[in-house]
């Protein structure tokens, strides 16, 4: 299971147990929940990630996103892109293309926060995937 990381006095970084209720707000825009099951990401016939330690990030105004530990992602299939974005709730994101994603609309299919802001420090060393053109397989 992902190790709980918190900044002093910041309960927002607490990893909640699987199926825990979440409530986000302007004051607490992020919630981190352990998935509690093995989840794989598949593109065509390639498994891009496979993990028992997925963190589900609930962010106010967005659908939940699955974040995979970097060590459970097949980075040998990944190529960093020049694309970067900034999220005021999480920090600066950098993006990856994966072997097999060439030609897909917006072929950068994954992102990470190398140096997240304190409220999102739990996302350091995690990678998320856009669900378009990918399959997510869940095991109990």
C-alpha atoms as a PDB file:
ATOM      1  CA  UNK A   1       0.000   0.000   0.000  1.00  0.00           C
ATOM      2  CA  UNK A   2       1.228   3.507  -0.705  1.00  0.00           C
ATOM      3  CA  UNK A   3       3.040   4.999   2.233  1.00  0.00           C
ATOM      4  CA  UNK A   4       1.178   7.815   3.928  1.00  0.00           C
ATOM      5  CA  UNK A   5       2.960  11.138   3.413  1.00  0.00           C
ATOM      6  CA  UNK A   6       1.887  14.282   5.152  1.00  0.00           C
ATOM      7  CA  UNK A   7       3.181  17.759   5.581  1.00  0.00           C
ATOM      8  CA  UNK A   8       3.083  19.013   9.169  1.00  0.00           C
ATOM      9  CA  UNK A   9      -0.448  20.079  10.009  1.00  0.00           C
ATOM     10  CA  UNK A  10      -1.776  19.175   6.567  1.00  0.00           C
ATOM     11  CA  UNK A  11      -4.494  16.509   6.828  1.00  0.00           C
ATOM     12  CA  UNK A  12      -5.146  16.878   3.079  1.00  0.00           C
ATOM     13  CA  UNK A  13      -2.210  14.550   2.350  1.00  0.00           C
ATOM     14  CA  UNK A  14      -3.604  11.645   4.343  1.00  0.00           C
ATOM     15  CA  UNK A  15      -4.175   8.440   2.378  1.00  0.00           C
ATOM     16  CA  UNK A  16      -7.715   7.251   3.075  1.00  0.00           C
ATOM     17  CA  UNK A  17      -8.568   3.536   3.117  1.00  0.00           C
ATOM     18  CA  UNK A  18     -10.311   1.885   0.139  1.00  0.00           C
ATOM     19  CA  UNK A  19     -13.936   2.972  -0.392  1.00  0.00           C
ATOM     20  CA  UNK A  20     -13.625   5.799   2.138  1.00  0.00           C
ATOM     21  CA  UNK A  21     -16.135   8.581   1.582  1.00  0.00           C
ATOM     22  CA  UNK A  22     -14.589  11.735   0.170  1.00  0.00           C
ATOM     23  CA  UNK A  23     -15.733  15.292   0.158  1.00  0.00           C
ATOM     24  CA  UNK A  24     -13.774  17.976  -1.584  1.00  0.00           C
ATOM     25  CA  UNK A  25     -14.319  21.690  -1.229  1.00  0.00           C
ATOM     26  CA  UNK A  26     -12.655  24.967  -2.023  1.00  0.00           C
ATOM     27  CA  UNK A  27     -10.765  24.700   1.279  1.00  0.00           C
ATOM     28  CA  UNK A  28      -9.894  20.989   0.741  1.00  0.00           C
ATOM     29  CA  UNK A  29      -9.821  20.425  -3.034  1.00  0.00           C
ATOM     30  CA  UNK A  30      -7.943  17.084  -3.011  1.00  0.00           C
ATOM     31  CA  UNK A  31      -8.616  13.703  -1.404  1.00  0.00           C
ATOM     32  CA  UNK A  32      -6.354  10.650  -1.733  1.00  0.00           C
ATOM     33  CA  UNK A  33      -7.908   7.158  -1.464  1.00  0.00           C
ATOM     34  CA  UNK A  34      -6.156   3.789  -1.721  1.00  0.00           C
ATOM     35  CA  UNK A  35      -7.724   1.783  -4.549  1.00  0.00           C
ATOM     36  CA  UNK A  36      -7.454  -1.442  -2.554  1.00  0.00           C
ATOM     37  CA  UNK A  37      -7.232  -3.656  -5.620  1.00  0.00           C
ATOM     38  CA  UNK A  38      -4.845  -4.520  -8.426  1.00  0.00           C
ATOM     39  CA  UNK A  39      -5.311  -2.282 -11.468  1.00  0.00           C
ATOM     40  CA  UNK A  40      -3.598  -2.531 -14.851  1.00  0.00           C
ATOM     41  CA  UNK A  41      -3.392  -0.051 -17.726  1.00  0.00           C
ATOM     42  CA  UNK A  42      -3.377  -1.603 -21.208  1.00  0.00           C
ATOM     43  CA  UNK A  43      -2.753  -0.033 -24.611  1.00  0.00           C
ATOM     44  CA  UNK A  44      -3.472  -2.496 -27.409  1.00  0.00           C
ATOM     45  CA  UNK A  45      -1.579  -5.627 -26.370  1.00  0.00           C
ATOM     46  CA  UNK A  46       0.868  -3.828 -24.038  1.00  0.00           C
ATOM     47  CA  UNK A  47       0.504  -3.546 -20.270  1.00  0.00           C
ATOM     48  CA  UNK A  48       1.771  -0.058 -19.396  1.00  0.00           C
ATOM     49  CA  UNK A  49       1.232  -0.256 -15.639  1.00  0.00           C
ATOM     50  CA  UNK A  50       0.222  -2.932 -13.155  1.00  0.00           C
ATOM     51  CA  UNK A  51      -0.112  -2.206  -9.446  1.00  0.00           C
ATOM     52  CA  UNK A  52      -1.690  -3.104  -6.114  1.00  0.00           C
ATOM     53  CA  UNK A  53      -0.779   0.383  -4.793  1.00  0.00           C
ATOM     54  CA  UNK A  54      -2.894   2.693  -6.944  1.00  0.00           C
ATOM     55  CA  UNK A  55      -4.060   5.938  -5.379  1.00  0.00           C
ATOM     56  CA  UNK A  56      -7.371   7.441  -6.496  1.00  0.00           C
ATOM     57  CA  UNK A  57      -7.226  11.225  -6.460  1.00  0.00           C
ATOM     58  CA  UNK A  58     -10.516  13.045  -6.001  1.00  0.00           C
ATOM     59  CA  UNK A  59     -10.243  16.691  -7.010  1.00  0.00           C
ATOM     60  CA  UNK A  60     -13.004  19.236  -6.666  1.00  0.00           C
ATOM     61  CA  UNK A  61     -14.690  19.756 -10.041  1.00  0.00           C
ATOM     62  CA  UNK A  62     -12.983  16.766 -11.734  1.00  0.00           C
ATOM     63  CA  UNK A  63     -13.619  13.059 -12.153  1.00  0.00           C
ATOM     64  CA  UNK A  64     -11.392  10.819  -9.990  1.00  0.00           C
ATOM     65  CA  UNK A  65      -7.979   9.949 -11.464  1.00  0.00           C
ATOM     66  CA  UNK A  66      -5.905   6.805 -10.880  1.00  0.00           C
ATOM     67  CA  UNK A  67      -2.239   7.365  -9.993  1.00  0.00           C
ATOM     68  CA  UNK A  68       0.239   4.470 -10.270  1.00  0.00           C
ATOM     69  CA  UNK A  69       3.541   4.218  -8.400  1.00  0.00           C
ATOM     70  CA  UNK A  70       6.382   5.019 -10.791  1.00  0.00           C
ATOM     71  CA  UNK A  71       7.987   1.637 -10.036  1.00  0.00           C
ATOM     72  CA  UNK A  72       4.858  -0.148 -11.321  1.00  0.00           C
ATOM     73  CA  UNK A  73       4.841   1.678 -14.677  1.00  0.00           C
ATOM     74  CA  UNK A  74       6.761   0.288 -17.665  1.00  0.00           C
ATOM     75  CA  UNK A  75       8.880   3.378 -18.198  1.00  0.00           C
ATOM     76  CA  UNK A  76      11.047   1.527 -20.724  1.00  0.00           C
ATOM     77  CA  UNK A  77       8.072   2.021 -23.087  1.00  0.00           C
ATOM     78  CA  UNK A  78       7.777   5.746 -22.247  1.00  0.00           C
ATOM     79  CA  UNK A  79       9.264   8.826 -23.837  1.00  0.00           C
ATOM     80  CA  UNK A  80       9.084  12.190 -22.053  1.00  0.00           C
ATOM     81  CA  UNK A  81       7.519  14.971 -24.103  1.00  0.00           C
ATOM     82  CA  UNK A  82       8.182  18.712 -24.082  1.00  0.00           C
ATOM     83  CA  UNK A  83       4.645  19.355 -22.836  1.00  0.00           C
ATOM     84  CA  UNK A  84       4.228  20.841 -19.360  1.00  0.00           C
ATOM     85  CA  UNK A  85       1.243  22.336 -17.565  1.00  0.00           C
ATOM     86  CA  UNK A  86       0.644  23.943 -14.185  1.00  0.00           C
ATOM     87  CA  UNK A  87      -2.117  23.018 -11.761  1.00  0.00           C
ATOM     88  CA  UNK A  88      -2.542  25.379  -8.794  1.00  0.00           C
ATOM     89  CA  UNK A  89      -3.645  22.425  -6.642  1.00  0.00           C
ATOM     90  CA  UNK A  90      -0.860  19.987  -7.532  1.00  0.00           C
ATOM     91  CA  UNK A  91       2.034  21.819  -9.225  1.00  0.00           C
ATOM     92  CA  UNK A  92       3.837  21.468 -12.558  1.00  0.00           C
ATOM     93  CA  UNK A  93       3.065  18.363 -14.605  1.00  0.00           C
ATOM     94  CA  UNK A  94       5.278  16.729 -17.216  1.00  0.00           C
ATOM     95  CA  UNK A  95       3.982  14.272 -19.799  1.00  0.00           C
ATOM     96  CA  UNK A  96       4.879  10.947 -21.441  1.00  0.00           C
ATOM     97  CA  UNK A  97       4.139   9.194 -24.701  1.00  0.00           C
ATOM     98  CA  UNK A  98       4.269   5.406 -24.709  1.00  0.00           C
ATOM     99  CA  UNK A  99       5.256   2.974 -27.414  1.00  0.00           C
ATOM    100  CA  UNK A 100       2.018   2.333 -29.305  1.00  0.00           C
ATOM    101  CA  UNK A 101       0.463   5.724 -28.534  1.00  0.00           C
ATOM    102  CA  UNK A 102       1.895   7.398 -31.631  1.00  0.00           C
ATOM    103  CA  UNK A 103      -0.843   8.725 -33.855  1.00  0.00           C
ATOM    104  CA  UNK A 104      -3.411   8.926 -31.061  1.00  0.00           C
ATOM    105  CA  UNK A 105      -4.995  12.314 -30.566  1.00  0.00           C
ATOM    106  CA  UNK A 106      -2.849  13.967 -27.919  1.00  0.00           C
ATOM    107  CA  UNK A 107      -0.338  11.114 -27.861  1.00  0.00           C
ATOM    108  CA  UNK A 108       0.939  12.235 -24.444  1.00  0.00           C
ATOM    109  CA  UNK A 109      -1.131   9.692 -22.515  1.00  0.00           C
ATOM    110  CA  UNK A 110       0.395   9.972 -19.035  1.00  0.00           C
ATOM    111  CA  UNK A 111       1.623  12.658 -16.662  1.00  0.00           C
ATOM    112  CA  UNK A 112       3.471  13.090 -13.394  1.00  0.00           C
ATOM    113  CA  UNK A 113       4.238  15.757 -10.806  1.00  0.00           C
ATOM    114  CA  UNK A 114       8.005  15.524 -10.227  1.00  0.00           C
ATOM    115  CA  UNK A 115       7.941  18.208  -7.547  1.00  0.00           C
ATOM    116  CA  UNK A 116       4.318  18.636  -6.395  1.00  0.00           C
ATOM    117  CA  UNK A 117       3.254  21.461  -4.134  1.00  0.00           C
ATOM    118  CA  UNK A 118       2.959  20.548  -0.411  1.00  0.00           C
ATOM    119  CA  UNK A 119      -0.796  19.855  -0.576  1.00  0.00           C
ATOM    120  CA  UNK A 120      -0.142  17.165  -3.212  1.00  0.00           C
ATOM    121  CA  UNK A 121       3.188  15.738  -1.995  1.00  0.00           C
ATOM    122  CA  UNK A 122       1.613  12.262  -2.031  1.00  0.00           C
ATOM    123  CA  UNK A 123       1.701  12.377  -5.857  1.00  0.00           C
ATOM    124  CA  UNK A 124       5.500  12.515  -6.013  1.00  0.00           C
ATOM    125  CA  UNK A 125       6.727   9.372  -7.790  1.00  0.00           C
ATOM    126  CA  UNK A 126       3.242   8.569  -9.156  1.00  0.00           C
ATOM    127  CA  UNK A 127       2.051   8.594 -12.767  1.00  0.00           C
ATOM    128  CA  UNK A 128      -1.497   9.044 -14.050  1.00  0.00           C
ATOM    129  CA  UNK A 129      -2.958   8.048 -17.424  1.00  0.00           C
ATOM    130  CA  UNK A 130      -5.619   9.645 -19.596  1.00  0.00           C
ATOM    131  CA  UNK A 131      -8.395   7.042 -19.987  1.00  0.00           C
ATOM    132  CA  UNK A 132      -8.954   7.754 -23.706  1.00  0.00           C
ATOM    133  CA  UNK A 133      -7.730   4.875 -25.912  1.00  0.00           C
ATOM    134  CA  UNK A 134      -6.636   2.845 -22.859  1.00  0.00           C
ATOM    135  CA  UNK A 135      -8.159  -0.039 -20.958  1.00  0.00           C
ATOM    136  CA  UNK A 136      -8.123  -0.235 -17.171  1.00  0.00           C
ATOM    137  CA  UNK A 137      -8.425  -3.742 -15.731  1.00  0.00           C
ATOM    138  CA  UNK A 138      -9.395  -4.161 -12.074  1.00  0.00           C
ATOM    139  CA  UNK A 139      -8.953  -7.308  -9.994  1.00  0.00           C
ATOM    140  CA  UNK A 140     -10.602  -7.837  -6.642  1.00  0.00           C
END
